[in-house]
Amino acid sequence: MLYKEITYLVKNKKLMTNKVFFEQVGGSHYKDFEIQPSEFINKNNLLFAEGNAIKYICRHSKKNKAEDIKKAIHYLEMILHRDYPDDSI
């Protein structure tokens, strides 16, 4: 994509709002999302466990399938234990 086209899309909020979110090291499983998980996580100031759960949920169908869902569940269990210890599994 040409720089001019990217600039237009960013200004019209059709793509990510910061060029750093165009980059991905080690794969391309996030590139097709309209909003990259990392951008969503950072803009919403989410904690580590919440961010990882979102990341694994978003990428499961493009990367590690059931393993990523299990990882997301693991992070959700961490959140339960951290924030709701009386209700934890």
PDB file of N, CA and C in Angstrom:
ATOM      1  N   MET A   1       0.843  -1.175   0.000  1.00  0.00           N
ATOM      2  CA  MET A   1       0.000   0.000   0.000  1.00  0.00           C
ATOM      3  C   MET A   1       0.888   1.237   0.000  1.00  0.00           C
ATOM      4  N   LEU A   2       0.528   2.218  -0.761  1.00  0.00           N
ATOM      5  CA  LEU A   2       1.292   3.451  -0.825  1.00  0.00           C
ATOM      6  C   LEU A   2       1.080   4.287   0.428  1.00  0.00           C
ATOM      7  N   TYR A   3       2.091   5.079   0.756  1.00  0.00           N
ATOM      8  CA  TYR A   3       2.022   5.927   1.943  1.00  0.00           C
ATOM      9  C   TYR A   3       0.802   6.835   1.913  1.00  0.00           C
ATOM     10  N   LYS A   4       0.510   7.412   0.749  1.00  0.00           N
ATOM     11  CA  LYS A   4      -0.638   8.317   0.606  1.00  0.00           C
ATOM     12  C   LYS A   4      -1.946   7.601   0.949  1.00  0.00           C
ATOM     13  N   GLU A   5      -2.116   6.364   0.481  1.00  0.00           N
ATOM     14  CA  GLU A   5      -3.325   5.593   0.777  1.00  0.00           C
ATOM     15  C   GLU A   5      -3.415   5.273   2.256  1.00  0.00           C
ATOM     16  N   ILE A   6      -2.294   4.919   2.847  1.00  0.00           N
ATOM     17  CA  ILE A   6      -2.270   4.603   4.280  1.00  0.00           C
ATOM     18  C   ILE A   6      -2.642   5.839   5.087  1.00  0.00           C
ATOM     19  N   THR A   7      -2.065   6.990   4.723  1.00  0.00           N
ATOM     20  CA  THR A   7      -2.382   8.234   5.422  1.00  0.00           C
ATOM     21  C   THR A   7      -3.875   8.530   5.357  1.00  0.00           C
ATOM     22  N   TYR A   8      -4.479   8.365   4.185  1.00  0.00           N
ATOM     23  CA  TYR A   8      -5.915   8.588   4.033  1.00  0.00           C
ATOM     24  C   TYR A   8      -6.702   7.667   4.953  1.00  0.00           C
ATOM     25  N   LEU A   9      -6.356   6.390   4.950  1.00  0.00           N
ATOM     26  CA  LEU A   9      -7.089   5.420   5.766  1.00  0.00           C
ATOM     27  C   LEU A   9      -6.943   5.711   7.247  1.00  0.00           C
ATOM     28  N   VAL A  10      -5.747   6.105   7.673  1.00  0.00           N
ATOM     29  CA  VAL A  10      -5.526   6.434   9.086  1.00  0.00           C
ATOM     30  C   VAL A  10      -6.341   7.665   9.469  1.00  0.00           C
ATOM     31  N   LYS A  11      -6.308   8.693   8.648  1.00  0.00           N
ATOM     32  CA  LYS A  11      -7.056   9.920   8.957  1.00  0.00           C
ATOM     33  C   LYS A  11      -8.558   9.661   9.037  1.00  0.00           C
ATOM     34  N   ASN A  12      -9.042   8.725   8.262  1.00  0.00           N
ATOM     35  CA  ASN A  12     -10.462   8.408   8.260  1.00  0.00           C
ATOM     36  C   ASN A  12     -10.804   7.246   9.188  1.00  0.00           C
ATOM     37  N   LYS A  13      -9.859   6.905  10.056  1.00  0.00           N
ATOM     38  CA  LYS A  13     -10.030   5.875  11.077  1.00  0.00           C
ATOM     39  C   LYS A  13     -10.454   4.536  10.490  1.00  0.00           C
ATOM     40  N   LYS A  14      -9.948   4.234   9.319  1.00  0.00           N
ATOM     41  CA  LYS A  14     -10.228   2.953   8.682  1.00  0.00           C
ATOM     42  C   LYS A  14      -9.132   1.946   9.017  1.00  0.00           C
ATOM     43  N   LEU A  15      -8.009   2.458   9.466  1.00  0.00           N
ATOM     44  CA  LEU A  15      -6.887   1.604   9.859  1.00  0.00           C
ATOM     45  C   LEU A  15      -6.339   2.089  11.186  1.00  0.00           C
ATOM     46  N   MET A  16      -5.300   1.434  11.638  1.00  0.00           N
ATOM     47  CA  MET A  16      -4.664   1.767  12.897  1.00  0.00           C
ATOM     48  C   MET A  16      -4.197   3.216  12.906  1.00  0.00           C
ATOM     49  N   THR A  17      -4.160   3.807  14.073  1.00  0.00           N
ATOM     50  CA  THR A  17      -3.882   5.232  14.175  1.00  0.00           C
ATOM     51  C   THR A  17      -2.417   5.551  14.413  1.00  0.00           C
ATOM     52  N   ASN A  18      -1.566   4.581  14.553  1.00  0.00           N
ATOM     53  CA  ASN A  18      -0.153   4.827  14.774  1.00  0.00           C
ATOM     54  C   ASN A  18       0.639   3.828  13.957  1.00  0.00           C
ATOM     55  N   LYS A  19       1.672   4.290  13.258  1.00  0.00           N
ATOM     56  CA  LYS A  19       2.422   3.406  12.367  1.00  0.00           C
ATOM     57  C   LYS A  19       3.057   2.222  13.094  1.00  0.00           C
ATOM     58  N   VAL A  20       3.318   2.345  14.371  1.00  0.00           N
ATOM     59  CA  VAL A  20       3.926   1.236  15.113  1.00  0.00           C
ATOM     60  C   VAL A  20       3.020   0.003  15.093  1.00  0.00           C
ATOM     61  N   PHE A  21       1.722   0.202  14.974  1.00  0.00           N
ATOM     62  CA  PHE A  21       0.797  -0.919  14.961  1.00  0.00           C
ATOM     63  C   PHE A  21       0.700  -1.601  13.598  1.00  0.00           C
ATOM     64  N   PHE A  22       1.382  -1.038  12.583  1.00  0.00           N
ATOM     65  CA  PHE A  22       1.463  -1.700  11.285  1.00  0.00           C
ATOM     66  C   PHE A  22       2.515  -2.804  11.312  1.00  0.00           C
ATOM     67  N   GLU A  23       3.436  -2.713  12.242  1.00  0.00           N
ATOM     68  CA  GLU A  23       4.552  -3.653  12.320  1.00  0.00           C
ATOM     69  C   GLU A  23       4.179  -4.860  13.161  1.00  0.00           C
ATOM     70  N   GLN A  24       4.677  -6.024  12.749  1.00  0.00           N
ATOM     71  CA  GLN A  24       4.521  -7.229  13.558  1.00  0.00           C
ATOM     72  C   GLN A  24       5.770  -8.064  13.391  1.00  0.00           C
ATOM     73  N   VAL A  25       6.388  -8.405  14.490  1.00  0.00           N
ATOM     74  CA  VAL A  25       7.585  -9.225  14.478  1.00  0.00           C
ATOM     75  C   VAL A  25       7.164 -10.670  14.667  1.00  0.00           C
ATOM     76  N   GLY A  26       7.591 -11.547  13.770  1.00  0.00           N
ATOM     77  CA  GLY A  26       7.332 -12.971  13.929  1.00  0.00           C
ATOM     78  C   GLY A  26       5.962 -13.434  13.480  1.00  0.00           C
ATOM     79  N   GLY A  27       5.572 -13.106  12.280  1.00  0.00           N
ATOM     80  CA  GLY A  27       4.304 -13.607  11.764  1.00  0.00           C
ATOM     81  C   GLY A  27       3.429 -12.504  11.213  1.00  0.00           C
ATOM     82  N   SER A  28       2.223 -12.906  10.799  1.00  0.00           N
ATOM     83  CA  SER A  28       1.293 -11.928  10.244  1.00  0.00           C
ATOM     84  C   SER A  28      -0.133 -12.169  10.734  1.00  0.00           C
ATOM     85  N   HIS A  29      -0.277 -12.927  11.816  1.00  0.00           N
ATOM     86  CA  HIS A  29      -1.598 -13.338  12.288  1.00  0.00           C
ATOM     87  C   HIS A  29      -2.440 -12.201  12.850  1.00  0.00           C
ATOM     88  N   TYR A  30      -1.881 -11.013  13.072  1.00  0.00           N
ATOM     89  CA  TYR A  30      -2.667  -9.876  13.548  1.00  0.00           C
ATOM     90  C   TYR A  30      -2.946  -8.854  12.447  1.00  0.00           C
ATOM     91  N   LYS A  31      -2.276  -8.965  11.331  1.00  0.00           N
ATOM     92  CA  LYS A  31      -2.323  -7.948  10.279  1.00  0.00           C
ATOM     93  C   LYS A  31      -3.709  -7.759   9.658  1.00  0.00           C
ATOM     94  N   ASP A  32      -4.556  -8.758   9.667  1.00  0.00           N
ATOM     95  CA  ASP A  32      -5.864  -8.661   9.022  1.00  0.00           C
ATOM     96  C   ASP A  32      -6.941  -8.014   9.902  1.00  0.00           C
ATOM     97  N   PHE A  33      -6.641  -7.787  11.159  1.00  0.00           N
ATOM     98  CA  PHE A  33      -7.626  -7.180  12.051  1.00  0.00           C
ATOM     99  C   PHE A  33      -7.772  -5.698  11.747  1.00  0.00           C
ATOM    100  N   GLU A  34      -8.984  -5.194  11.814  1.00  0.00           N
ATOM    101  CA  GLU A  34      -9.208  -3.762  11.614  1.00  0.00           C
ATOM    102  C   GLU A  34      -8.541  -2.963  12.726  1.00  0.00           C
ATOM    103  N   ILE A  35      -8.628  -3.461  13.950  1.00  0.00           N
ATOM    104  CA  ILE A  35      -7.928  -2.878  15.092  1.00  0.00           C
ATOM    105  C   ILE A  35      -7.041  -3.973  15.651  1.00  0.00           C
ATOM    106  N   GLN A  36      -5.738  -3.757  15.646  1.00  0.00           N
ATOM    107  CA  GLN A  36      -4.830  -4.777  16.153  1.00  0.00           C
ATOM    108  C   GLN A  36      -5.037  -4.931  17.660  1.00  0.00           C
ATOM    109  N   PRO A  37      -4.973  -6.172  18.165  1.00  0.00           N
ATOM    110  CA  PRO A  37      -5.132  -6.381  19.599  1.00  0.00           C
ATOM    111  C   PRO A  37      -4.199  -5.502  20.429  1.00  0.00           C
ATOM    112  N   SER A  38      -2.956  -5.337  19.990  1.00  0.00           N
ATOM    113  CA  SER A  38      -2.008  -4.531  20.757  1.00  0.00           C
ATOM    114  C   SER A  38      -2.452  -3.070  20.856  1.00  0.00           C
ATOM    115  N   GLU A  39      -3.026  -2.538  19.782  1.00  0.00           N
ATOM    116  CA  GLU A  39      -3.515  -1.159  19.815  1.00  0.00           C
ATOM    117  C   GLU A  39      -4.697  -1.039  20.781  1.00  0.00           C
ATOM    118  N   PHE A  40      -5.641  -1.973  20.704  1.00  0.00           N
ATOM    119  CA  PHE A  40      -6.796  -1.970  21.598  1.00  0.00           C
ATOM    120  C   PHE A  40      -6.354  -2.069  23.055  1.00  0.00           C
ATOM    121  N   ILE A  41      -5.437  -2.990  23.331  1.00  0.00           N
ATOM    122  CA  ILE A  41      -4.947  -3.217  24.695  1.00  0.00           C
ATOM    123  C   ILE A  41      -4.269  -1.959  25.234  1.00  0.00           C
ATOM    124  N   ASN A  42      -3.392  -1.359  24.440  1.00  0.00           N
ATOM    125  CA  ASN A  42      -2.671  -0.169  24.887  1.00  0.00           C
ATOM    126  C   ASN A  42      -3.572   1.042  25.053  1.00  0.00           C
ATOM    127  N   LYS A  43      -4.475   1.265  24.116  1.00  0.00           N
ATOM    128  CA  LYS A  43      -5.358   2.438  24.199  1.00  0.00           C
ATOM    129  C   LYS A  43      -6.313   2.349  25.378  1.00  0.00           C
ATOM    130  N   ASN A  44      -6.609   1.137  25.826  1.00  0.00           N
ATOM    131  CA  ASN A  44      -7.518   0.957  26.951  1.00  0.00           C
ATOM    132  C   ASN A  44      -6.782   0.697  28.260  1.00  0.00           C
ATOM    133  N   ASN A  45      -5.467   0.825  28.244  1.00  0.00           N
ATOM    134  CA  ASN A  45      -4.643   0.655  29.448  1.00  0.00           C
ATOM    135  C   ASN A  45      -4.960  -0.627  30.207  1.00  0.00           C
ATOM    136  N   LEU A  46      -5.113  -1.714  29.474  1.00  0.00           N
ATOM    137  CA  LEU A  46      -5.437  -2.986  30.112  1.00  0.00           C
ATOM    138  C   LEU A  46      -4.212  -3.582  30.794  1.00  0.00           C
ATOM    139  N   LEU A  47      -4.465  -4.336  31.830  1.00  0.00           N
ATOM    140  CA  LEU A  47      -3.394  -5.023  32.545  1.00  0.00           C
ATOM    141  C   LEU A  47      -2.882  -6.205  31.723  1.00  0.00           C
ATOM    142  N   PHE A  48      -1.752  -6.749  32.148  1.00  0.00           N
ATOM    143  CA  PHE A  48      -1.076  -7.826  31.428  1.00  0.00           C
ATOM    144  C   PHE A  48      -1.991  -9.020  31.151  1.00  0.00           C
ATOM    145  N   ALA A  49      -2.635  -9.534  32.167  1.00  0.00           N
ATOM    146  CA  ALA A  49      -3.464 -10.733  31.994  1.00  0.00           C
ATOM    147  C   ALA A  49      -4.643 -10.480  31.065  1.00  0.00           C
ATOM    148  N   GLU A  50      -5.306  -9.330  31.213  1.00  0.00           N
ATOM    149  CA  GLU A  50      -6.424  -8.996  30.331  1.00  0.00           C
ATOM    150  C   GLU A  50      -5.943  -8.881  28.882  1.00  0.00           C
ATOM    151  N   GLY A  51      -4.813  -8.218  28.704  1.00  0.00           N
ATOM    152  CA  GLY A  51      -4.261  -8.053  27.363  1.00  0.00           C
ATOM    153  C   GLY A  51      -3.910  -9.373  26.710  1.00  0.00           C
ATOM    154  N   ASN A  52      -3.307 -10.255  27.469  1.00  0.00           N
ATOM    155  CA  ASN A  52      -2.940 -11.552  26.905  1.00  0.00           C
ATOM    156  C   ASN A  52      -4.168 -12.385  26.571  1.00  0.00           C
ATOM    157  N   ALA A  53      -5.177 -12.341  27.407  1.00  0.00           N
ATOM    158  CA  ALA A  53      -6.406 -13.086  27.111  1.00  0.00           C
ATOM    159  C   ALA A  53      -6.996 -12.603  25.788  1.00  0.00           C
ATOM    160  N   ILE A  54      -7.062 -11.296  25.599  1.00  0.00           N
ATOM    161  CA  ILE A  54      -7.591 -10.734  24.352  1.00  0.00           C
ATOM    162  C   ILE A  54      -6.733 -11.152  23.171  1.00  0.00           C
ATOM    163  N   LYS A  55      -5.427 -11.056  23.332  1.00  0.00           N
ATOM    164  CA  LYS A  55      -4.503 -11.412  22.258  1.00  0.00           C
ATOM    165  C   LYS A  55      -4.716 -12.853  21.805  1.00  0.00           C
ATOM    166  N   TYR A  56      -4.783 -13.777  22.753  1.00  0.00           N
ATOM    167  CA  TYR A  56      -4.939 -15.194  22.399  1.00  0.00           C
ATOM    168  C   TYR A  56      -6.315 -15.491  21.808  1.00  0.00           C
ATOM    169  N   ILE A  57      -7.337 -14.835  22.303  1.00  0.00           N
ATOM    170  CA  ILE A  57      -8.679 -15.023  21.737  1.00  0.00           C
ATOM    171  C   ILE A  57      -8.699 -14.550  20.283  1.00  0.00           C
ATOM    172  N   CYS A  58      -8.087 -13.403  20.027  1.00  0.00           N
ATOM    173  CA  CYS A  58      -8.097 -12.854  18.670  1.00  0.00           C
ATOM    174  C   CYS A  58      -7.348 -13.719  17.662  1.00  0.00           C
ATOM    175  N   ARG A  59      -6.255 -14.315  18.065  1.00  0.00           N
ATOM    176  CA  ARG A  59      -5.400 -14.994  17.088  1.00  0.00           C
ATOM    177  C   ARG A  59      -5.631 -16.486  16.951  1.00  0.00           C
ATOM    178  N   HIS A  60      -6.459 -17.095  17.787  1.00  0.00           N
ATOM    179  CA  HIS A  60      -6.549 -18.549  17.828  1.00  0.00           C
ATOM    180  C   HIS A  60      -6.812 -19.184  16.477  1.00  0.00           C
ATOM    181  N   SER A  61      -7.685 -18.614  15.664  1.00  0.00           N
ATOM    182  CA  SER A  61      -8.032 -19.258  14.392  1.00  0.00           C
ATOM    183  C   SER A  61      -6.925 -19.128  13.344  1.00  0.00           C
ATOM    184  N   LYS A  62      -6.022 -18.180  13.537  1.00  0.00           N
ATOM    185  CA  LYS A  62      -4.957 -17.953  12.560  1.00  0.00           C
ATOM    186  C   LYS A  62      -3.614 -18.524  12.988  1.00  0.00           C
ATOM    187  N   LYS A  63      -3.500 -18.948  14.251  1.00  0.00           N
ATOM    188  CA  LYS A  63      -2.186 -19.376  14.708  1.00  0.00           C
ATOM    189  C   LYS A  63      -2.238 -20.744  15.388  1.00  0.00           C
ATOM    190  N   ASN A  64      -2.465 -20.791  16.673  1.00  0.00           N
ATOM    191  CA  ASN A  64      -2.283 -22.035  17.429  1.00  0.00           C
ATOM    192  C   ASN A  64      -3.570 -22.760  17.816  1.00  0.00           C
ATOM    193  N   LYS A  65      -4.691 -22.377  17.226  1.00  0.00           N
ATOM    194  CA  LYS A  65      -5.981 -23.061  17.403  1.00  0.00           C
ATOM    195  C   LYS A  65      -6.333 -23.246  18.883  1.00  0.00           C
ATOM    196  N   ALA A  66      -6.626 -24.479  19.287  1.00  0.00           N
ATOM    197  CA  ALA A  66      -7.091 -24.774  20.647  1.00  0.00           C
ATOM    198  C   ALA A  66      -6.065 -24.370  21.705  1.00  0.00           C
ATOM    199  N   GLU A  67      -4.781 -24.452  21.373  1.00  0.00           N
ATOM    200  CA  GLU A  67      -3.742 -24.069  22.338  1.00  0.00           C
ATOM    201  C   GLU A  67      -3.894 -22.607  22.749  1.00  0.00           C
ATOM    202  N   ASP A  68      -4.209 -21.728  21.793  1.00  0.00           N
ATOM    203  CA  ASP A  68      -4.400 -20.317  22.131  1.00  0.00           C
ATOM    204  C   ASP A  68      -5.648 -20.104  22.984  1.00  0.00           C
ATOM    205  N   ILE A  69      -6.693 -20.861  22.758  1.00  0.00           N
ATOM    206  CA  ILE A  69      -7.891 -20.761  23.603  1.00  0.00           C
ATOM    207  C   ILE A  69      -7.552 -21.203  25.024  1.00  0.00           C
ATOM    208  N   LYS A  70      -6.775 -22.262  25.152  1.00  0.00           N
ATOM    209  CA  LYS A  70      -6.350 -22.714  26.492  1.00  0.00           C
ATOM    210  C   LYS A  70      -5.507 -21.654  27.182  1.00  0.00           C
ATOM    211  N   LYS A  71      -4.651 -20.987  26.430  1.00  0.00           N
ATOM    212  CA  LYS A  71      -3.843 -19.903  27.007  1.00  0.00           C
ATOM    213  C   LYS A  71      -4.744 -18.756  27.472  1.00  0.00           C
ATOM    214  N   ALA A  72      -5.746 -18.406  26.658  1.00  0.00           N
ATOM    215  CA  ALA A  72      -6.677 -17.343  27.045  1.00  0.00           C
ATOM    216  C   ALA A  72      -7.408 -17.718  28.330  1.00  0.00           C
ATOM    217  N   ILE A  73      -7.862 -18.944  28.411  1.00  0.00           N
ATOM    218  CA  ILE A  73      -8.549 -19.420  29.622  1.00  0.00           C
ATOM    219  C   ILE A  73      -7.622 -19.323  30.828  1.00  0.00           C
ATOM    220  N   HIS A  74      -6.363 -19.686  30.643  1.00  0.00           N
ATOM    221  CA  HIS A  74      -5.383 -19.608  31.733  1.00  0.00           C
ATOM    222  C   HIS A  74      -5.267 -18.169  32.253  1.00  0.00           C
ATOM    223  N   TYR A  75      -5.188 -17.206  31.341  1.00  0.00           N
ATOM    224  CA  TYR A  75      -5.105 -15.806  31.764  1.00  0.00           C
ATOM    225  C   TYR A  75      -6.401 -15.342  32.417  1.00  0.00           C
ATOM    226  N   LEU A  76      -7.539 -15.807  31.947  1.00  0.00           N
ATOM    227  CA  LEU A  76      -8.810 -15.469  32.590  1.00  0.00           C
ATOM    228  C   LEU A  76      -8.885 -16.037  33.996  1.00  0.00           C
ATOM    229  N   GLU A  77      -8.348 -17.241  34.185  1.00  0.00           N
ATOM    230  CA  GLU A  77      -8.286 -17.825  35.536  1.00  0.00           C
ATOM    231  C   GLU A  77      -7.376 -17.008  36.445  1.00  0.00           C
ATOM    232  N   MET A  78      -6.286 -16.482  35.895  1.00  0.00           N
ATOM    233  CA  MET A  78      -5.410 -15.606  36.681  1.00  0.00           C
ATOM    234  C   MET A  78      -6.170 -14.367  37.150  1.00  0.00           C
ATOM    235  N   ILE A  79      -6.972 -13.798  36.248  1.00  0.00           N
ATOM    236  CA  ILE A  79      -7.759 -12.613  36.596  1.00  0.00           C
ATOM    237  C   ILE A  79      -8.758 -12.946  37.701  1.00  0.00           C
ATOM    238  N   LEU A  80      -9.424 -14.078  37.572  1.00  0.00           N
ATOM    239  CA  LEU A  80     -10.356 -14.512  38.625  1.00  0.00           C
ATOM    240  C   LEU A  80      -9.655 -14.618  39.964  1.00  0.00           C
ATOM    241  N   HIS A  81      -8.508 -15.268  39.977  1.00  0.00           N
ATOM    242  CA  HIS A  81      -7.754 -15.458  41.221  1.00  0.00           C
ATOM    243  C   HIS A  81      -7.278 -14.118  41.790  1.00  0.00           C
ATOM    244  N   ARG A  82      -6.816 -13.218  40.909  1.00  0.00           N
ATOM    245  CA  ARG A  82      -6.296 -11.924  41.342  1.00  0.00           C
ATOM    246  C   ARG A  82      -7.407 -11.001  41.853  1.00  0.00           C
ATOM    247  N   ASP A  83      -8.529 -10.930  41.110  1.00  0.00           N
ATOM    248  CA  ASP A  83      -9.549  -9.925  41.406  1.00  0.00           C
ATOM    249  C   ASP A  83     -10.754 -10.445  42.195  1.00  0.00           C
ATOM    250  N   TYR A  84     -10.986 -11.735  42.121  1.00  0.00           N
ATOM    251  CA  TYR A  84     -12.168 -12.322  42.761  1.00  0.00           C
ATOM    252  C   TYR A  84     -11.787 -13.617  43.475  1.00  0.00           C
ATOM    253  N   PRO A  85     -10.881 -13.539  44.445  1.00  0.00           N
ATOM    254  CA  PRO A  85     -10.354 -14.773  45.063  1.00  0.00           C
ATOM    255  C   PRO A  85     -11.440 -15.644  45.714  1.00  0.00           C
ATOM    256  N   ASP A  86     -12.498 -15.063  46.192  1.00  0.00           N
ATOM    257  CA  ASP A  86     -13.554 -15.864  46.818  1.00  0.00           C
ATOM    258  C   ASP A  86     -14.389 -16.617  45.801  1.00  0.00           C
ATOM    259  N   ASP A  87     -14.370 -16.146  44.538  1.00  0.00           N
ATOM    260  CA  ASP A  87     -15.142 -16.774  43.478  1.00  0.00           C
ATOM    261  C   ASP A  87     -14.281 -17.638  42.560  1.00  0.00           C
ATOM    262  N   SER A  88     -12.993 -17.746  42.858  1.00  0.00           N
ATOM    263  CA  SER A  88     -12.069 -18.465  41.966  1.00  0.00           C
ATOM    264  C   SER A  88     -12.427 -19.933  41.874  1.00  0.00           C
ATOM    265  N   ILE A  89     -11.969 -20.488  40.775  1.00  0.00           N
ATOM    266  CA  ILE A  89     -12.223 -21.912  40.495  1.00  0.00           C
ATOM    267  C   ILE A  89     -11.436 -22.779  41.467  1.00  0.00           C
TER     268      ILE A  89
END
